[in-house]
Amino acid sequence: MAQYLALTYTADVDWWAPEQADELAEYRRFGVEYADQVKASAVLHPTSTATVVRVEGARGGPVVTTDGPYAETKEALTGYYLIEADDLEEAVRIAAEIPAAWGGAVEVRPVILAK
């Protein structure tokens, strides 16, 4: 079986806030329904907690950090699922069941496994 990373792009919200309870319940339902295929998953804190790291020049150059989100967008990277599937078609079918796909987007990418 191949592995695919399903990156979720949704509104940049605090998923633990009470007003997100109904939608968070949908994500939990997805996790239970696809427990055999989902090998790992996580929800990310809002982008306001992000730190962007850059190295000027090249390796060993000055490290520059910026607090907060990198870009203003309608949707932000808010989480991921590591999915095990027979092929891309099956991974896409599973990704379509992730609630992020219903009002945001899910990017599905194959994982290169180390040999």
N, C-alpha and C. Protein backbone atom coordinates (compact mmCIF):
# COMPACT_ATOMS: atom_id res chain seq x y z
N MET A 1 0.84 -1.19 0.00
CA MET A 1 0.00 0.00 0.00
C MET A 1 0.88 1.25 0.00
N ALA A 2 0.41 2.26 -0.67
CA ALA A 2 1.10 3.54 -0.71
C ALA A 2 0.58 4.45 0.40
N GLN A 3 1.36 5.46 0.71
CA GLN A 3 0.92 6.46 1.68
C GLN A 3 0.78 7.81 0.98
N TYR A 4 -0.23 8.55 1.42
CA TYR A 4 -0.54 9.88 0.88
C TYR A 4 -0.73 10.83 2.05
N LEU A 5 -0.19 12.03 1.90
CA LEU A 5 -0.42 13.06 2.91
C LEU A 5 -1.56 13.94 2.42
N ALA A 6 -2.59 14.04 3.22
CA ALA A 6 -3.75 14.88 2.90
C ALA A 6 -3.65 16.13 3.78
N LEU A 7 -3.27 17.24 3.16
CA LEU A 7 -3.12 18.51 3.87
C LEU A 7 -4.45 19.25 3.83
N THR A 8 -4.95 19.67 4.99
CA THR A 8 -6.24 20.34 5.04
C THR A 8 -6.05 21.85 5.06
N TYR A 9 -6.82 22.53 4.22
CA TYR A 9 -6.82 23.99 4.14
C TYR A 9 -8.24 24.46 4.45
N THR A 10 -8.38 25.17 5.56
CA THR A 10 -9.69 25.62 6.01
C THR A 10 -9.57 27.04 6.56
N ALA A 11 -10.68 27.53 7.10
CA ALA A 11 -10.64 28.81 7.80
C ALA A 11 -9.63 28.69 8.94
N ASP A 12 -8.94 29.77 9.21
CA ASP A 12 -7.90 29.81 10.24
C ASP A 12 -8.53 30.10 11.59
N VAL A 13 -9.02 29.05 12.25
CA VAL A 13 -9.77 29.21 13.50
C VAL A 13 -9.14 28.39 14.61
N ASP A 14 -9.57 28.66 15.83
CA ASP A 14 -9.19 27.86 16.98
C ASP A 14 -10.17 26.68 17.04
N TRP A 15 -9.71 25.51 16.65
CA TRP A 15 -10.60 24.35 16.55
C TRP A 15 -11.15 23.90 17.90
N TRP A 16 -10.56 24.35 19.00
CA TRP A 16 -11.04 23.94 20.32
C TRP A 16 -12.05 24.94 20.88
N ALA A 17 -12.33 26.03 20.15
CA ALA A 17 -13.33 27.00 20.61
C ALA A 17 -14.72 26.37 20.53
N PRO A 18 -15.61 26.72 21.46
CA PRO A 18 -16.95 26.13 21.50
C PRO A 18 -17.71 26.25 20.18
N GLU A 19 -17.54 27.34 19.45
CA GLU A 19 -18.28 27.52 18.20
C GLU A 19 -17.83 26.56 17.09
N GLN A 20 -16.72 25.86 17.30
CA GLN A 20 -16.24 24.89 16.31
C GLN A 20 -16.65 23.45 16.64
N ALA A 21 -17.39 23.27 17.72
CA ALA A 21 -17.71 21.93 18.23
C ALA A 21 -18.39 21.03 17.19
N ASP A 22 -19.37 21.57 16.47
CA ASP A 22 -20.09 20.74 15.50
C ASP A 22 -19.18 20.28 14.37
N GLU A 23 -18.36 21.20 13.86
CA GLU A 23 -17.46 20.82 12.77
C GLU A 23 -16.37 19.87 13.26
N LEU A 24 -15.86 20.11 14.47
CA LEU A 24 -14.85 19.22 15.03
C LEU A 24 -15.41 17.81 15.19
N ALA A 25 -16.69 17.71 15.51
CA ALA A 25 -17.35 16.40 15.63
C ALA A 25 -17.32 15.67 14.28
N GLU A 26 -17.45 16.40 13.17
CA GLU A 26 -17.38 15.79 11.84
C GLU A 26 -15.98 15.22 11.58
N TYR A 27 -14.95 15.94 12.00
CA TYR A 27 -13.58 15.44 11.85
C TYR A 27 -13.37 14.18 12.70
N ARG A 28 -13.93 14.18 13.89
CA ARG A 28 -13.81 12.99 14.74
C ARG A 28 -14.54 11.80 14.10
N ARG A 29 -15.71 12.05 13.50
CA ARG A 29 -16.44 10.99 12.83
C ARG A 29 -15.59 10.42 11.69
N PHE A 30 -14.97 11.30 10.89
CA PHE A 30 -14.09 10.86 9.81
C PHE A 30 -12.96 9.99 10.38
N GLY A 31 -12.34 10.41 11.47
CA GLY A 31 -11.25 9.65 12.08
C GLY A 31 -11.66 8.26 12.50
N VAL A 32 -12.86 8.13 13.03
CA VAL A 32 -13.36 6.81 13.44
C VAL A 32 -13.67 5.96 12.20
N GLU A 33 -14.34 6.55 11.22
CA GLU A 33 -14.74 5.80 10.03
C GLU A 33 -13.54 5.30 9.22
N TYR A 34 -12.46 6.08 9.19
CA TYR A 34 -11.30 5.72 8.38
C TYR A 34 -10.09 5.36 9.26
N ALA A 35 -10.33 4.86 10.44
CA ALA A 35 -9.25 4.54 11.39
C ALA A 35 -8.24 3.56 10.80
N ASP A 36 -8.68 2.64 9.96
CA ASP A 36 -7.75 1.67 9.38
C ASP A 36 -6.82 2.30 8.34
N GLN A 37 -7.27 3.34 7.67
CA GLN A 37 -6.46 3.97 6.62
C GLN A 37 -5.65 5.16 7.13
N VAL A 38 -6.11 5.83 8.18
CA VAL A 38 -5.41 7.00 8.70
C VAL A 38 -4.32 6.53 9.67
N LYS A 39 -3.07 6.76 9.29
CA LYS A 39 -1.94 6.30 10.09
C LYS A 39 -1.45 7.36 11.06
N ALA A 40 -1.76 8.63 10.79
CA ALA A 40 -1.41 9.74 11.68
C ALA A 40 -2.26 10.93 11.28
N SER A 41 -2.49 11.82 12.22
CA SER A 41 -3.21 13.05 11.91
C SER A 41 -2.93 14.07 13.01
N ALA A 42 -3.14 15.33 12.67
CA ALA A 42 -2.98 16.39 13.66
C ALA A 42 -3.71 17.63 13.19
N VAL A 43 -4.17 18.40 14.15
CA VAL A 43 -4.73 19.72 13.87
C VAL A 43 -3.68 20.73 14.33
N LEU A 44 -3.52 21.79 13.56
CA LEU A 44 -2.52 22.80 13.88
C LEU A 44 -3.15 23.98 14.61
N HIS A 45 -2.37 24.62 15.46
CA HIS A 45 -2.83 25.86 16.09
C HIS A 45 -3.00 26.91 15.00
N PRO A 46 -3.78 27.98 15.24
CA PRO A 46 -3.97 29.03 14.24
C PRO A 46 -2.64 29.61 13.75
N THR A 47 -2.64 30.17 12.56
CA THR A 47 -1.41 30.70 11.97
C THR A 47 -0.82 31.84 12.78
N SER A 48 -1.60 32.47 13.63
CA SER A 48 -1.06 33.54 14.48
C SER A 48 0.02 33.02 15.42
N THR A 49 0.08 31.70 15.63
CA THR A 49 1.10 31.10 16.49
C THR A 49 2.32 30.64 15.70
N ALA A 50 2.29 30.81 14.38
CA ALA A 50 3.37 30.32 13.52
C ALA A 50 4.62 31.18 13.62
N THR A 51 5.75 30.54 13.37
CA THR A 51 7.02 31.23 13.22
C THR A 51 7.62 30.77 11.91
N VAL A 52 7.89 31.70 11.01
CA VAL A 52 8.51 31.39 9.72
C VAL A 52 10.02 31.51 9.89
N VAL A 53 10.75 30.49 9.45
CA VAL A 53 12.21 30.45 9.59
C VAL A 53 12.84 30.49 8.20
N ARG A 54 13.81 31.38 8.03
CA ARG A 54 14.57 31.49 6.79
C ARG A 54 16.05 31.57 7.15
N VAL A 55 16.88 31.01 6.29
CA VAL A 55 18.32 31.14 6.43
C VAL A 55 18.80 31.99 5.26
N GLU A 56 19.39 33.14 5.57
CA GLU A 56 19.87 34.03 4.52
C GLU A 56 21.13 33.46 3.87
N GLY A 57 21.20 33.60 2.56
CA GLY A 57 22.37 33.12 1.84
C GLY A 57 22.29 31.63 1.61
N ALA A 58 22.78 30.87 2.52
CA ALA A 58 22.79 29.41 2.41
C ALA A 58 22.99 28.83 3.80
N ARG A 59 23.17 27.55 3.86
CA ARG A 59 23.38 26.86 5.12
C ARG A 59 24.47 27.57 5.92
N GLY A 60 24.18 27.79 7.19
CA GLY A 60 25.14 28.47 8.05
C GLY A 60 24.97 29.98 8.08
N GLY A 61 24.11 30.52 7.20
CA GLY A 61 23.87 31.96 7.16
C GLY A 61 23.03 32.40 8.34
N PRO A 62 22.80 33.69 8.43
CA PRO A 62 21.97 34.21 9.53
C PRO A 62 20.55 33.63 9.47
N VAL A 63 20.04 33.27 10.63
CA VAL A 63 18.68 32.76 10.74
C VAL A 63 17.76 33.93 11.04
N VAL A 64 16.72 34.06 10.21
CA VAL A 64 15.74 35.14 10.37
C VAL A 64 14.38 34.51 10.64
N THR A 65 13.71 34.97 11.68
CA THR A 65 12.38 34.45 11.98
C THR A 65 11.35 35.58 11.92
N THR A 66 10.14 35.20 11.54
CA THR A 66 9.03 36.13 11.48
C THR A 66 7.86 35.48 12.21
N ASP A 67 7.24 36.22 13.12
CA ASP A 67 6.09 35.69 13.84
C ASP A 67 4.82 35.87 13.02
N GLY A 68 3.88 34.97 13.24
CA GLY A 68 2.58 35.08 12.61
C GLY A 68 2.53 34.46 11.24
N PRO A 69 1.38 34.56 10.60
CA PRO A 69 1.21 33.90 9.31
C PRO A 69 2.09 34.51 8.24
N TYR A 70 2.48 33.68 7.32
CA TYR A 70 3.33 34.11 6.22
C TYR A 70 2.56 34.93 5.20
N ALA A 71 1.33 34.56 4.92
CA ALA A 71 0.54 35.27 3.91
C ALA A 71 -0.90 35.38 4.37
N GLU A 72 -1.57 36.41 3.94
CA GLU A 72 -3.00 36.58 4.22
C GLU A 72 -3.77 35.78 3.18
N THR A 73 -4.51 34.79 3.62
CA THR A 73 -5.31 33.98 2.71
C THR A 73 -6.65 33.67 3.35
N LYS A 74 -7.59 33.26 2.51
CA LYS A 74 -8.91 32.86 3.01
C LYS A 74 -8.79 31.53 3.75
N GLU A 75 -7.95 30.65 3.22
CA GLU A 75 -7.76 29.33 3.81
C GLU A 75 -6.30 29.15 4.18
N ALA A 76 -6.05 28.47 5.28
CA ALA A 76 -4.69 28.23 5.75
C ALA A 76 -4.49 26.74 5.97
N LEU A 77 -3.24 26.31 5.97
CA LEU A 77 -2.92 24.93 6.31
C LEU A 77 -3.28 24.73 7.78
N THR A 78 -4.25 23.86 8.04
CA THR A 78 -4.75 23.70 9.41
C THR A 78 -4.56 22.31 9.98
N GLY A 79 -4.09 21.38 9.17
CA GLY A 79 -3.88 20.04 9.68
C GLY A 79 -3.49 19.08 8.58
N TYR A 80 -3.39 17.81 8.97
CA TYR A 80 -3.03 16.79 7.98
C TYR A 80 -3.52 15.42 8.42
N TYR A 81 -3.61 14.53 7.45
CA TYR A 81 -3.86 13.12 7.68
C TYR A 81 -2.85 12.34 6.84
N LEU A 82 -2.22 11.33 7.41
CA LEU A 82 -1.39 10.42 6.66
C LEU A 82 -2.26 9.21 6.35
N ILE A 83 -2.57 9.04 5.07
CA ILE A 83 -3.52 8.03 4.63
C ILE A 83 -2.79 6.90 3.92
N GLU A 84 -3.19 5.69 4.22
CA GLU A 84 -2.68 4.53 3.49
C GLU A 84 -3.77 4.09 2.52
N ALA A 85 -3.41 3.98 1.24
CA ALA A 85 -4.39 3.63 0.21
C ALA A 85 -3.71 2.82 -0.88
N ASP A 86 -4.53 2.08 -1.63
CA ASP A 86 -3.99 1.27 -2.73
C ASP A 86 -3.41 2.12 -3.83
N ASP A 87 -4.04 3.29 -4.09
CA ASP A 87 -3.60 4.15 -5.19
C ASP A 87 -4.16 5.55 -4.97
N LEU A 88 -3.80 6.46 -5.88
CA LEU A 88 -4.25 7.85 -5.76
C LEU A 88 -5.76 7.96 -5.80
N GLU A 89 -6.40 7.16 -6.63
CA GLU A 89 -7.86 7.21 -6.73
C GLU A 89 -8.52 6.93 -5.38
N GLU A 90 -8.03 5.92 -4.67
CA GLU A 90 -8.59 5.61 -3.36
C GLU A 90 -8.26 6.72 -2.36
N ALA A 91 -7.05 7.27 -2.43
CA ALA A 91 -6.68 8.35 -1.52
C ALA A 91 -7.58 9.58 -1.74
N VAL A 92 -7.88 9.88 -2.98
CA VAL A 92 -8.77 11.01 -3.29
C VAL A 92 -10.18 10.73 -2.77
N ARG A 93 -10.64 9.51 -2.93
CA ARG A 93 -11.98 9.15 -2.42
C ARG A 93 -12.05 9.35 -0.91
N ILE A 94 -11.00 8.94 -0.20
CA ILE A 94 -10.96 9.12 1.25
C ILE A 94 -10.87 10.60 1.59
N ALA A 95 -10.01 11.33 0.89
CA ALA A 95 -9.83 12.76 1.15
C ALA A 95 -11.13 13.54 0.96
N ALA A 96 -11.96 13.10 0.05
CA ALA A 96 -13.24 13.77 -0.19
C ALA A 96 -14.17 13.65 1.01
N GLU A 97 -13.90 12.73 1.91
CA GLU A 97 -14.70 12.57 3.12
C GLU A 97 -14.19 13.41 4.28
N ILE A 98 -13.02 14.02 4.13
CA ILE A 98 -12.50 14.90 5.18
C ILE A 98 -13.32 16.20 5.14
N PRO A 99 -13.87 16.64 6.27
CA PRO A 99 -14.71 17.83 6.26
C PRO A 99 -14.06 19.06 5.63
N ALA A 100 -12.75 19.18 5.65
CA ALA A 100 -12.08 20.33 5.02
C ALA A 100 -12.40 20.42 3.53
N ALA A 101 -12.65 19.29 2.89
CA ALA A 101 -12.94 19.28 1.45
C ALA A 101 -14.30 19.88 1.14
N TRP A 102 -15.17 19.97 2.12
CA TRP A 102 -16.54 20.44 1.89
C TRP A 102 -16.65 21.95 1.84
N GLY A 103 -15.72 22.66 2.48
CA GLY A 103 -15.81 24.12 2.49
C GLY A 103 -14.45 24.77 2.33
N GLY A 104 -13.44 23.96 2.25
CA GLY A 104 -12.07 24.44 2.07
C GLY A 104 -11.43 23.63 0.97
N ALA A 105 -10.29 23.02 1.28
CA ALA A 105 -9.60 22.18 0.30
C ALA A 105 -8.74 21.15 1.02
N VAL A 106 -8.50 20.05 0.32
CA VAL A 106 -7.58 19.03 0.80
C VAL A 106 -6.60 18.75 -0.32
N GLU A 107 -5.32 18.93 -0.05
CA GLU A 107 -4.27 18.63 -1.02
C GLU A 107 -3.74 17.24 -0.72
N VAL A 108 -3.77 16.36 -1.71
CA VAL A 108 -3.31 14.98 -1.55
C VAL A 108 -1.99 14.82 -2.29
N ARG A 109 -0.97 14.37 -1.57
CA ARG A 109 0.34 14.18 -2.19
C ARG A 109 0.91 12.83 -1.78
N PRO A 110 1.50 12.10 -2.74
CA PRO A 110 2.12 10.83 -2.40
C PRO A 110 3.37 11.05 -1.53
N VAL A 111 3.59 10.13 -0.62
CA VAL A 111 4.74 10.17 0.27
C VAL A 111 5.83 9.28 -0.31
N ILE A 112 7.05 9.79 -0.34
CA ILE A 112 8.20 8.98 -0.76
C ILE A 112 8.71 8.26 0.48
N LEU A 113 8.60 6.95 0.46
CA LEU A 113 9.04 6.16 1.60
C LEU A 113 10.52 5.85 1.46
N ALA A 114 11.27 6.01 2.55
CA ALA A 114 12.70 5.73 2.54
C ALA A 114 12.91 4.23 2.30
N LYS A 115 13.94 3.95 1.53
CA LYS A 115 14.23 2.53 1.24
C LYS A 115 15.38 2.04 2.09
